[in-house]
Amino acid sequence: MGIKTPRGKRKKESEQDQKIPVKVREVHFEQETEPVNSKGRNTELSIVTYVFVFLFLLMIGYLVYLNVWKADSLNSNAYNTKQDANEDKYIRGSIYSSDGQTLAYTSVADDGTETRIYPYGNVFAHVIGYSSNGKSGLESTSNSDLMTSHTSVLTQLREESEDEKQLADSVYTTLNVTLQQTAYSALGSYNGAVIALEPSTGKILAMVSKPDFDPNQIDEIWESVVNDSSSSVLLNRATQGLYPPGSTFKILTTLAYMRENPSTYSDFTFTCEGTFEESGASIHCYNSKVHGTVDLKTAFAKSCNTTFASIGLSLGNSSLADVCEEFLFNTSLPTTLQHSTSQFTLSESASYGEIMQTAIGQGETLVTPLHMALITATVANDGVMMQPYLVDYIEANDGTLVSETKSSRYKRLMTEEEASVLQEYMEETVISGTATSLGWYDFTVAGKTGSAEYGSDSNGGTHSWFVGYSYDDGGEADLVVVVIAEDGGAGSDTAVPIASQVFQAYYNYVAE
């Protein structure tokens, strides 16, 4: 029951409400208006829009760059775990030589256990590498190819439905088994490296490094190798070893002199007395041999240190530095192979002794065998450096061609005329100079020897170098061979006989 208000009271209140006057105050709002600059506002919006569109396109471009140009290197990166996940899906692909020999494959036991097998053991140890305890060599640089399958979609679906692991793609290399075995045997007990490549294409046919190891035993030897601070067994000396180039560097010193004296270098003469002194610094020819009066070609062929020491002093320091910079010292080589950077240092304030040492390939200069192979190949290829490579093509398990490497020119680094002169000088080295033992074959060899001293008189030695190329029937150069034998002494004593065996094996193989 609600509360009732008395009828009289309600009426009284109503009348009272009517008597109260209500005052309404009018409020007037005055709006200040300014003309809107629509053109300025549109300009600002356009700028913002363009900025966002630019950033969006930049992001898309970067994603395309990562997925197209950088995909292989990212997939092969040691920190990328994507390939590890693929191990549950794929059986690692095989690696083959250019003549179809198996260099690496995965054996699968009945219980599914997988074992990586290297049929040639130590012979291809560094160039092929290993795939457990990390990865090296081609097992590393071609990792993404070896853990990916490009067989037909139907085949992949069928194998997945049957819960079977698929065999990944195979890598076919440019390596030749005959040349590799010959180079490995010829290097013998010496530590060092041998490289053989085609100068006109950049194909690497052989790459040997010693000391070596058996990649089949990498798990067993791993702890002893990595815990030995003095061990360098795993180092690929062909691409990562840094050595003083010795007299092989005279190729570049000669080129620098020719460029600084284009009209007079052919008239050059110097009288060698076995020793050359300047301001208290002295240079000796090997075994202090006296060469007498020589022109530039003879000095090159005889590897006369005193001649090139005087040439070094006649050059402006920047002349030699410019040539070395052009030939990729202090920078990366045009290759995906793991390699060290060759080093060249010669300041404007260098002493006479430093200049003379540098001109003959000593001093602070260090170079990899691969780099010397590219320099030699540039001379042999009429002044053009090709990009070196090891992978010829990739093939899927069903025979489908996945990709193929095309020979690629890096750059012209010298004129044909300059290359022709250096070719003549290198041929003279075999005809009458320090590599005459290479002058008795049906094919022609041109080259340069080197005896590179390292360390101090009480704790040092001499590395044996040879760099050269060969051709048959007056055609273009067929093969470049570079040899470095650590503590091998004179280049003519050790490196030249090793190179000789590789040259002979190449032409015997071609003739078959």
Protein backbone atom coordinates (compact mmCIF):
# COMPACT_ATOMS: atom_id res chain seq x y z
CA MET A 1 0.00 0.00 0.00
CA GLY A 2 1.51 3.26 -1.09
CA ILE A 3 1.76 6.48 0.87
CA LYS A 4 -1.01 8.93 -0.08
CA THR A 5 -0.55 12.62 -0.13
CA PRO A 6 -3.50 14.63 1.18
CA ARG A 7 -5.50 16.11 -1.64
CA GLY A 8 -5.49 19.63 -0.19
CA LYS A 9 -1.77 19.75 0.34
CA ARG A 10 -1.00 18.58 -3.22
CA LYS A 11 -3.20 21.39 -4.57
CA LYS A 12 -1.51 23.96 -2.39
CA GLU A 13 1.95 22.97 -3.53
CA SER A 14 0.86 23.08 -7.11
CA GLU A 15 -0.43 26.61 -6.75
CA GLN A 16 2.77 27.66 -5.05
CA ASP A 17 4.87 26.28 -7.89
CA GLN A 18 2.92 28.36 -10.32
CA LYS A 19 3.67 31.56 -8.42
CA ILE A 20 7.50 31.14 -8.65
CA PRO A 21 8.77 33.18 -11.56
CA VAL A 22 11.36 31.41 -13.71
CA LYS A 23 13.99 33.60 -15.26
CA VAL A 24 15.65 32.24 -18.32
CA ARG A 25 18.98 33.74 -19.22
CA GLU A 26 19.81 33.66 -22.84
CA VAL A 27 23.35 32.72 -23.53
CA HIS A 28 24.79 33.69 -26.87
CA PHE A 29 27.84 31.77 -28.15
CA GLU A 30 29.99 33.62 -30.58
CA GLN A 31 32.05 31.25 -32.75
CA GLU A 32 35.27 32.63 -34.10
CA THR A 33 35.88 31.10 -37.46
CA GLU A 34 39.04 31.18 -39.59
CA PRO A 35 39.26 30.21 -43.18
CA VAL A 36 40.59 26.61 -43.53
CA ASN A 37 43.74 26.17 -45.64
CA SER A 38 42.67 22.98 -47.37
CA LYS A 39 45.65 23.05 -49.70
CA GLY A 40 48.18 22.99 -46.82
CA ARG A 41 46.32 20.23 -45.03
CA ASN A 42 46.27 18.11 -48.20
CA THR A 43 50.00 18.63 -48.65
CA GLU A 44 50.71 17.39 -45.14
CA LEU A 45 48.52 14.33 -45.66
CA SER A 46 50.26 13.60 -48.96
CA ILE A 47 53.69 13.76 -47.32
CA VAL A 48 52.63 11.39 -44.56
CA THR A 49 51.11 9.03 -47.11
CA TYR A 50 54.23 9.04 -49.25
CA VAL A 51 56.41 8.34 -46.21
CA PHE A 52 54.31 5.35 -45.21
CA VAL A 53 54.22 4.04 -48.78
CA PHE A 54 58.00 4.42 -49.04
CA LEU A 55 58.57 2.57 -45.77
CA PHE A 56 56.20 -0.17 -46.86
CA LEU A 57 57.96 -0.60 -50.20
CA LEU A 58 61.33 -0.55 -48.43
CA MET A 59 60.17 -3.35 -46.13
CA ILE A 60 58.86 -5.39 -49.06
CA GLY A 61 62.14 -4.86 -50.94
CA TYR A 62 64.17 -6.00 -47.96
CA LEU A 63 62.06 -9.14 -47.58
CA VAL A 64 62.54 -9.92 -51.27
CA TYR A 65 66.29 -9.35 -50.87
CA LEU A 66 66.45 -11.76 -47.92
CA ASN A 67 64.35 -14.43 -49.62
CA VAL A 68 65.97 -14.27 -53.05
CA TRP A 69 69.54 -13.01 -52.93
CA LYS A 70 70.47 -13.90 -49.36
CA ALA A 71 68.44 -17.09 -48.97
CA ASP A 72 71.31 -19.51 -49.53
CA SER A 73 73.75 -17.77 -47.21
CA LEU A 74 71.11 -17.41 -44.51
CA ASN A 75 70.08 -21.04 -44.81
CA SER A 76 73.70 -22.15 -44.58
CA ASN A 77 74.51 -19.90 -41.65
CA ALA A 78 75.71 -21.82 -38.61
CA TYR A 79 73.24 -19.93 -36.39
CA ASN A 80 70.23 -20.85 -38.53
CA THR A 81 68.38 -23.77 -36.92
CA LYS A 82 66.04 -24.23 -39.87
CA GLN A 83 68.25 -26.88 -41.44
CA ASP A 84 68.47 -28.79 -38.16
CA ALA A 85 64.69 -29.13 -38.27
CA ASN A 86 64.99 -30.57 -41.79
CA GLU A 87 67.04 -33.48 -40.45
CA ASP A 88 63.77 -35.09 -39.34
CA LYS A 89 62.42 -34.82 -42.87
CA TYR A 90 65.38 -35.34 -45.22
CA ILE A 91 68.33 -37.69 -45.63
CA ARG A 92 71.36 -35.51 -46.36
CA GLY A 93 72.15 -35.39 -50.08
CA SER A 94 75.30 -36.72 -51.72
CA ILE A 95 78.32 -34.85 -53.11
CA TYR A 96 79.91 -35.93 -56.39
CA SER A 97 83.03 -35.09 -58.39
CA SER A 98 82.85 -33.74 -61.94
CA ASP A 99 83.58 -37.26 -63.24
CA GLY A 100 80.72 -38.79 -61.26
CA GLN A 101 82.63 -40.23 -58.31
CA THR A 102 80.91 -40.11 -54.91
CA LEU A 103 82.75 -37.84 -52.49
CA ALA A 104 80.20 -37.89 -49.64
CA TYR A 105 76.95 -39.75 -48.98
CA THR A 106 74.70 -40.82 -46.10
CA SER A 107 74.40 -44.49 -45.23
CA VAL A 108 71.13 -45.51 -43.52
CA ALA A 109 71.12 -48.64 -41.31
CA ASP A 110 68.10 -50.92 -40.84
CA ASP A 111 67.29 -49.20 -37.55
CA GLY A 112 67.30 -45.80 -39.28
CA THR A 113 70.71 -44.70 -37.98
CA GLU A 114 72.40 -42.36 -40.47
CA THR A 115 76.17 -42.23 -41.00
CA ARG A 116 77.94 -39.75 -43.25
CA ILE A 117 80.55 -41.54 -45.40
CA TYR A 118 83.54 -39.99 -47.19
CA PRO A 119 84.92 -42.64 -49.59
CA TYR A 120 88.20 -40.81 -50.28
CA GLY A 121 88.96 -40.04 -46.63
CA ASN A 122 91.80 -37.54 -46.18
CA VAL A 123 92.19 -36.72 -49.87
CA PHE A 124 89.18 -34.36 -50.03
CA ALA A 125 89.08 -33.61 -46.29
CA HIS A 126 89.18 -29.81 -46.37
CA VAL A 127 87.40 -29.02 -49.61
CA ILE A 128 84.45 -31.36 -48.95
CA GLY A 129 84.62 -30.90 -45.17
CA TYR A 130 82.52 -32.60 -42.50
CA SER A 131 78.91 -32.36 -41.30
CA SER A 132 79.03 -33.27 -37.60
CA ASN A 133 80.48 -31.21 -34.74
CA GLY A 134 79.59 -28.24 -36.87
CA LYS A 135 80.20 -28.08 -40.60
CA SER A 136 83.04 -27.08 -42.91
CA GLY A 137 83.94 -27.01 -46.59
CA LEU A 138 81.18 -27.76 -49.09
CA GLU A 139 79.23 -29.50 -46.35
CA SER A 140 78.85 -26.02 -44.88
CA THR A 141 78.53 -23.74 -47.91
CA SER A 142 76.12 -26.15 -49.66
CA ASN A 143 74.25 -27.11 -46.50
CA SER A 144 70.90 -25.71 -47.64
CA ASP A 145 71.12 -27.62 -50.94
CA LEU A 146 72.03 -30.86 -49.20
CA MET A 147 69.06 -30.56 -46.83
CA THR A 148 66.37 -29.60 -49.35
CA SER A 149 64.43 -31.70 -51.85
CA HIS A 150 63.22 -30.58 -55.26
CA THR A 151 61.67 -33.88 -56.33
CA SER A 152 58.11 -33.74 -57.66
CA VAL A 153 55.34 -32.72 -55.27
CA LEU A 154 53.59 -36.07 -55.79
CA THR A 155 56.75 -37.97 -54.80
CA GLN A 156 57.19 -35.85 -51.69
CA LEU A 157 53.54 -36.28 -50.71
CA ARG A 158 53.72 -40.04 -51.18
CA GLU A 159 56.86 -40.37 -49.06
CA GLU A 160 55.40 -38.13 -46.38
CA SER A 161 52.20 -40.20 -46.28
CA GLU A 162 54.30 -43.33 -45.82
CA ASP A 163 56.24 -41.58 -43.05
CA GLU A 164 59.51 -41.98 -44.98
CA LYS A 165 62.39 -39.51 -44.96
CA GLN A 166 63.15 -38.08 -48.36
CA LEU A 167 66.58 -38.08 -49.97
CA ALA A 168 67.65 -34.45 -50.39
CA ASP A 169 69.27 -32.92 -53.47
CA SER A 170 72.80 -33.80 -54.56
CA VAL A 171 75.70 -31.45 -55.23
CA TYR A 172 77.89 -32.05 -58.29
CA THR A 173 81.24 -30.31 -57.94
CA THR A 174 83.89 -29.13 -60.40
CA LEU A 175 86.52 -31.30 -58.66
CA ASN A 176 88.40 -33.92 -60.64
CA VAL A 177 89.33 -37.07 -58.70
CA THR A 178 92.46 -37.80 -60.76
CA LEU A 179 93.88 -34.30 -60.28
CA GLN A 180 92.93 -34.23 -56.59
CA GLN A 181 94.64 -37.57 -55.88
CA THR A 182 97.70 -36.52 -57.89
CA ALA A 183 98.02 -33.20 -56.04
CA TYR A 184 97.51 -34.91 -52.66
CA SER A 185 100.19 -37.51 -53.42
CA ALA A 186 102.60 -34.95 -54.92
CA LEU A 187 102.49 -32.70 -51.85
CA GLY A 188 103.59 -35.75 -49.87
CA SER A 189 104.71 -35.11 -46.31
CA TYR A 190 104.86 -31.33 -46.73
CA ASN A 191 102.31 -29.11 -45.04
CA GLY A 192 100.84 -26.60 -47.45
CA ALA A 193 98.38 -26.49 -50.31
CA VAL A 194 97.83 -27.20 -53.99
CA ILE A 195 95.15 -25.59 -56.17
CA ALA A 196 94.32 -26.32 -59.81
CA LEU A 197 91.69 -24.32 -61.70
CA GLU A 198 90.56 -23.37 -65.19
CA PRO A 199 91.55 -19.73 -65.81
CA SER A 200 88.89 -19.13 -68.49
CA THR A 201 85.96 -20.33 -66.32
CA GLY A 202 87.02 -20.19 -62.67
CA LYS A 203 86.24 -23.89 -62.13
CA ILE A 204 88.34 -25.34 -59.32
CA LEU A 205 89.52 -28.81 -60.36
CA ALA A 206 91.64 -29.66 -57.32
CA MET A 207 92.13 -28.23 -53.83
CA VAL A 208 94.43 -29.97 -51.36
CA SER A 209 95.50 -28.87 -47.89
CA LYS A 210 97.89 -30.50 -45.42
CA PRO A 211 98.09 -31.43 -42.59
CA ASP A 212 94.84 -33.28 -43.14
CA PHE A 213 92.40 -35.52 -41.32
CA ASP A 214 89.92 -38.30 -42.01
CA PRO A 215 86.41 -36.80 -41.99
CA ASN A 216 85.04 -40.29 -41.36
CA GLN A 217 86.69 -40.10 -37.92
CA ILE A 218 85.78 -36.50 -37.09
CA ASP A 219 83.70 -37.47 -34.04
CA GLU A 220 86.54 -39.55 -32.60
CA ILE A 221 89.30 -36.97 -33.15
CA TRP A 222 87.26 -33.86 -32.39
CA GLU A 223 88.21 -33.36 -28.75
CA SER A 224 91.93 -33.87 -29.36
CA VAL A 225 91.92 -31.49 -32.30
CA VAL A 226 89.99 -28.62 -30.73
CA ASN A 227 91.82 -28.88 -27.41
CA ASP A 228 95.23 -28.68 -29.06
CA SER A 229 95.99 -24.95 -29.21
CA SER A 230 98.87 -25.51 -31.66
CA SER A 231 96.82 -27.67 -34.03
CA SER A 232 95.77 -26.31 -37.40
CA VAL A 233 94.67 -29.60 -38.91
CA LEU A 234 91.15 -28.31 -39.60
CA LEU A 235 92.44 -25.16 -41.37
CA ASN A 236 92.06 -25.23 -45.14
CA ARG A 237 95.43 -23.75 -46.08
CA ALA A 238 94.38 -23.38 -49.72
CA THR A 239 91.82 -20.71 -48.86
CA GLN A 240 92.62 -19.66 -45.30
CA GLY A 241 96.39 -20.03 -44.98
CA LEU A 242 98.28 -16.70 -45.08
CA TYR A 243 101.89 -16.80 -46.32
CA PRO A 244 104.53 -14.31 -47.47
CA PRO A 245 104.34 -14.62 -51.27
CA GLY A 246 108.08 -14.38 -51.87
CA SER A 247 109.11 -13.89 -55.49
CA THR A 248 105.67 -14.84 -56.86
CA PHE A 249 104.75 -11.28 -55.81
CA LYS A 250 107.13 -9.97 -58.50
CA ILE A 251 104.26 -10.44 -60.95
CA LEU A 252 102.57 -7.43 -59.33
CA THR A 253 105.81 -5.47 -58.83
CA THR A 254 106.52 -5.90 -62.55
CA LEU A 255 103.01 -4.74 -63.46
CA ALA A 256 103.36 -1.66 -61.24
CA TYR A 257 106.69 -0.78 -62.91
CA MET A 258 105.22 -1.24 -66.40
CA ARG A 259 102.34 1.06 -65.57
CA GLU A 260 104.60 3.74 -64.14
CA ASN A 261 107.02 3.48 -67.11
CA PRO A 262 104.80 2.51 -70.07
CA SER A 263 107.17 3.72 -72.78
CA THR A 264 110.54 2.80 -71.22
CA TYR A 265 110.15 -0.44 -69.23
CA SER A 266 111.33 -2.49 -72.23
CA ASP A 267 114.65 -0.55 -72.08
CA PHE A 268 115.24 -1.33 -68.41
CA THR A 269 118.64 -2.75 -67.38
CA PHE A 270 120.28 -3.41 -64.04
CA THR A 271 123.60 -4.91 -63.00
CA CYS A 272 123.19 -7.51 -60.27
CA GLU A 273 126.19 -8.12 -58.01
CA GLY A 274 124.36 -10.50 -55.68
CA THR A 275 123.71 -7.79 -53.07
CA PHE A 276 121.99 -4.43 -53.22
CA GLU A 277 122.41 -1.79 -50.50
CA GLU A 278 120.68 1.51 -49.91
CA SER A 279 120.94 3.72 -46.81
CA GLY A 280 122.09 0.87 -44.62
CA ALA A 281 119.48 -1.62 -45.85
CA SER A 282 120.57 -4.57 -48.01
CA ILE A 283 118.92 -7.25 -50.14
CA HIS A 284 120.56 -10.47 -51.34
CA CYS A 285 119.69 -12.69 -54.27
CA TYR A 286 118.93 -16.30 -53.34
CA ASN A 287 122.21 -17.85 -52.19
CA SER A 288 123.81 -14.48 -53.08
CA LYS A 289 123.87 -15.50 -56.76
CA VAL A 290 125.30 -12.85 -59.13
CA HIS A 291 123.12 -12.39 -62.24
CA GLY A 292 125.16 -9.67 -63.95
CA THR A 293 123.49 -7.17 -66.28
CA VAL A 294 119.86 -8.08 -66.88
CA ASP A 295 116.83 -6.58 -68.57
CA LEU A 296 113.37 -6.75 -66.98
CA LYS A 297 112.39 -10.08 -68.56
CA THR A 298 115.64 -11.78 -67.53
CA ALA A 299 115.44 -10.36 -64.01
CA PHE A 300 111.92 -11.77 -63.75
CA ALA A 301 112.90 -15.19 -65.12
CA LYS A 302 115.97 -15.45 -62.89
CA SER A 303 114.02 -14.03 -59.93
CA CYS A 304 116.74 -11.44 -59.25
CA ASN A 305 116.02 -9.90 -55.85
CA THR A 306 118.47 -7.02 -56.20
CA THR A 307 116.84 -5.90 -59.44
CA PHE A 308 113.37 -5.84 -57.91
CA ALA A 309 114.62 -4.15 -54.75
CA SER A 310 115.91 -1.27 -56.89
CA ILE A 311 112.62 -1.25 -58.86
CA GLY A 312 110.73 -1.01 -55.58
CA LEU A 313 112.70 2.09 -54.61
CA SER A 314 112.05 3.67 -58.00
CA LEU A 315 108.30 3.23 -57.62
CA GLY A 316 106.20 5.59 -55.60
CA ASN A 317 104.82 3.70 -52.64
CA SER A 318 101.30 4.43 -53.82
CA SER A 319 101.97 2.77 -57.21
CA LEU A 320 102.53 -0.66 -55.67
CA ALA A 321 99.72 -0.12 -53.17
CA ASP A 322 97.29 0.83 -55.97
CA VAL A 323 98.06 -2.34 -57.92
CA CYS A 324 97.64 -4.49 -54.81
CA GLU A 325 94.35 -2.81 -53.96
CA GLU A 326 93.12 -3.41 -57.50
CA PHE A 327 94.09 -7.07 -57.18
CA LEU A 328 92.00 -7.44 -54.00
CA PHE A 329 94.52 -7.27 -51.19
CA ASN A 330 92.94 -6.13 -47.90
CA THR A 331 89.47 -7.08 -49.15
CA SER A 332 87.37 -10.17 -49.86
CA LEU A 333 87.82 -12.27 -53.00
CA PRO A 334 84.87 -12.70 -55.40
CA THR A 335 83.81 -16.11 -54.08
CA THR A 336 81.42 -17.73 -51.62
CA LEU A 337 84.22 -20.00 -50.39
CA GLN A 338 85.35 -19.41 -46.82
CA HIS A 339 88.68 -17.59 -47.13
CA SER A 340 91.11 -15.29 -45.37
CA THR A 341 91.85 -11.77 -46.56
CA SER A 342 95.31 -11.22 -48.05
CA GLN A 343 97.24 -8.35 -46.48
CA PHE A 344 99.37 -5.59 -47.96
CA THR A 345 100.89 -2.73 -45.98
CA LEU A 346 103.33 -0.10 -47.24
CA SER A 347 103.03 3.38 -45.76
CA GLU A 348 104.25 6.57 -47.40
CA SER A 349 106.83 6.86 -44.60
CA ALA A 350 108.18 3.32 -45.06
CA SER A 351 111.94 2.93 -44.79
CA TYR A 352 114.16 1.88 -47.69
CA GLY A 353 114.47 -1.56 -46.17
CA GLU A 354 110.69 -1.97 -45.88
CA ILE A 355 110.18 -0.86 -49.47
CA MET A 356 112.82 -3.25 -50.84
CA GLN A 357 111.47 -6.18 -48.80
CA THR A 358 107.92 -5.49 -49.95
CA ALA A 359 108.93 -5.30 -53.63
CA ILE A 360 110.30 -8.86 -53.50
CA GLY A 361 107.28 -10.31 -51.67
CA GLN A 362 108.53 -10.16 -48.11
CA GLY A 363 107.88 -7.48 -45.49
CA GLU A 364 104.33 -7.38 -44.11
CA THR A 365 102.66 -8.87 -47.20
CA LEU A 366 100.64 -12.06 -46.71
CA VAL A 367 98.56 -13.92 -49.28
CA THR A 368 96.43 -17.04 -49.57
CA PRO A 369 97.16 -19.72 -52.21
CA LEU A 370 93.66 -19.16 -53.64
CA HIS A 371 94.44 -15.48 -54.11
CA MET A 372 97.70 -16.28 -55.92
CA ALA A 373 95.76 -18.71 -58.13
CA LEU A 374 93.36 -15.90 -59.12
CA ILE A 375 96.22 -13.48 -59.85
CA THR A 376 97.93 -16.11 -62.01
CA ALA A 377 94.66 -16.96 -63.74
CA THR A 378 94.15 -13.27 -64.55
CA VAL A 379 97.47 -13.19 -66.40
CA ALA A 380 96.68 -16.48 -68.18
CA ASN A 381 93.18 -15.25 -69.13
CA ASP A 382 94.48 -12.14 -70.92
CA GLY A 383 93.82 -9.80 -68.00
CA VAL A 384 90.33 -10.92 -66.93
CA MET A 385 89.72 -12.42 -63.48
CA MET A 386 86.93 -15.00 -63.30
CA GLN A 387 85.02 -15.81 -60.15
CA PRO A 388 86.21 -19.18 -58.76
CA TYR A 389 83.64 -21.83 -57.89
CA LEU A 390 83.33 -25.44 -56.72
CA VAL A 391 79.66 -26.30 -57.34
CA ASP A 392 78.85 -27.16 -60.94
CA TYR A 393 75.15 -27.96 -60.53
CA ILE A 394 72.49 -29.21 -58.10
CA GLU A 395 70.33 -32.19 -58.98
CA ALA A 396 67.21 -33.57 -57.29
CA ASN A 397 66.88 -37.25 -56.40
CA ASP A 398 64.66 -37.87 -59.45
CA GLY A 399 67.24 -36.37 -61.82
CA THR A 400 65.65 -32.92 -62.08
CA LEU A 401 68.19 -30.13 -62.60
CA VAL A 402 67.70 -27.70 -59.72
CA SER A 403 70.36 -25.11 -60.52
CA GLU A 404 73.56 -24.72 -62.50
CA THR A 405 76.54 -22.42 -61.95
CA LYS A 406 77.45 -20.29 -64.93
CA SER A 407 81.00 -19.03 -65.32
CA SER A 408 81.08 -15.41 -64.23
CA ARG A 409 83.59 -12.73 -65.04
CA TYR A 410 84.66 -10.66 -62.05
CA LYS A 411 86.57 -7.85 -63.72
CA ARG A 412 89.26 -6.93 -66.22
CA LEU A 413 92.25 -6.10 -64.02
CA MET A 414 94.88 -5.51 -66.70
CA THR A 415 94.96 -4.81 -70.40
CA GLU A 416 95.60 -7.54 -72.94
CA GLU A 417 98.96 -5.89 -73.70
CA GLU A 418 99.99 -5.98 -70.03
CA ALA A 419 98.88 -9.61 -69.72
CA SER A 420 100.79 -10.50 -72.89
CA VAL A 421 104.05 -9.09 -71.50
CA LEU A 422 103.65 -10.97 -68.21
CA GLN A 423 102.84 -14.16 -70.13
CA GLU A 424 106.08 -13.72 -72.07
CA TYR A 425 108.06 -13.21 -68.86
CA MET A 426 106.47 -16.25 -67.19
CA GLU A 427 107.25 -18.41 -70.21
CA GLU A 428 110.85 -17.20 -70.09
CA THR A 429 110.99 -18.41 -66.46
CA VAL A 430 110.42 -21.95 -67.76
CA ILE A 431 112.67 -21.56 -70.80
CA SER A 432 115.75 -20.11 -69.09
CA GLY A 433 114.91 -19.21 -65.51
CA THR A 434 114.09 -20.88 -62.21
CA ALA A 435 111.53 -23.40 -63.56
CA THR A 436 113.38 -25.01 -66.47
CA SER A 437 112.41 -28.52 -65.35
CA LEU A 438 108.89 -27.73 -66.64
CA GLY A 439 110.10 -27.11 -70.18
CA TRP A 440 110.32 -30.68 -71.48
CA TYR A 441 106.69 -31.58 -72.16
CA ASP A 442 104.45 -31.66 -75.22
CA PHE A 443 102.48 -28.82 -73.64
CA THR A 444 103.75 -25.35 -72.68
CA VAL A 445 104.10 -24.15 -69.10
CA ALA A 446 104.59 -20.57 -67.91
CA GLY A 447 105.19 -19.69 -64.28
CA LYS A 448 106.93 -17.97 -61.42
CA THR A 449 108.79 -19.54 -58.51
CA GLY A 450 109.12 -18.15 -55.00
CA SER A 451 111.22 -18.76 -51.92
CA ALA A 452 109.44 -17.00 -49.08
CA GLU A 453 111.36 -16.47 -45.87
CA TYR A 454 109.48 -16.21 -42.60
CA GLY A 455 110.35 -15.72 -38.92
CA SER A 456 113.73 -14.66 -37.54
CA ASP A 457 117.14 -16.01 -38.47
CA SER A 458 117.16 -18.25 -35.39
CA ASN A 459 113.53 -19.34 -35.65
CA GLY A 460 112.42 -19.22 -39.25
CA GLY A 461 112.49 -21.00 -42.53
CA THR A 462 111.66 -20.77 -46.24
CA HIS A 463 108.40 -21.73 -47.93
CA SER A 464 108.53 -23.08 -51.47
CA TRP A 465 106.15 -21.48 -54.02
CA PHE A 466 105.19 -22.07 -57.62
CA VAL A 467 102.41 -20.32 -59.54
CA GLY A 468 101.85 -21.00 -63.22
CA TYR A 469 99.64 -22.11 -66.06
CA SER A 470 99.78 -24.36 -69.11
CA TYR A 471 98.39 -24.54 -72.63
CA ASP A 472 98.54 -26.92 -75.54
CA ASP A 473 98.95 -26.28 -79.28
CA GLY A 474 99.17 -22.52 -78.87
CA GLY A 475 95.56 -22.19 -77.65
CA GLU A 476 94.15 -20.48 -74.60
CA ALA A 477 95.43 -21.42 -71.18
CA ASP A 478 94.03 -24.74 -69.92
CA LEU A 479 95.11 -24.99 -66.31
CA VAL A 480 96.48 -22.86 -63.47
CA VAL A 481 98.45 -24.64 -60.74
CA VAL A 482 99.56 -23.07 -57.46
CA VAL A 483 101.75 -24.87 -54.92
CA ILE A 484 102.91 -23.82 -51.46
CA ALA A 485 105.12 -26.30 -49.57
CA GLU A 486 105.89 -25.10 -46.05
CA ASP A 487 109.60 -25.16 -45.25
CA GLY A 488 110.25 -26.57 -48.71
CA GLY A 489 113.15 -24.22 -49.46
CA ALA A 490 113.61 -22.86 -52.98
CA GLY A 491 110.58 -22.92 -55.25
CA SER A 492 112.54 -24.67 -57.98
CA ASP A 493 113.55 -27.47 -55.59
CA THR A 494 110.17 -28.46 -54.14
CA ALA A 495 107.13 -26.62 -55.47
CA VAL A 496 108.04 -26.98 -59.16
CA PRO A 497 108.28 -30.82 -59.10
CA ILE A 498 104.92 -30.97 -57.29
CA ALA A 499 103.31 -28.72 -59.91
CA SER A 500 104.89 -30.82 -62.66
CA GLN A 501 102.99 -33.90 -61.54
CA VAL A 502 99.69 -32.04 -61.57
CA PHE A 503 100.27 -30.64 -65.06
CA GLN A 504 101.16 -34.09 -66.39
CA ALA A 505 98.13 -35.71 -64.75
CA TYR A 506 95.87 -33.12 -66.36
CA TYR A 507 97.08 -33.74 -69.92
CA ASN A 508 97.18 -37.51 -69.42
CA TYR A 509 93.58 -37.35 -68.22
CA VAL A 510 92.49 -35.14 -71.14
CA ALA A 511 94.20 -37.47 -73.61
CA GLU A 512 92.29 -40.53 -72.35
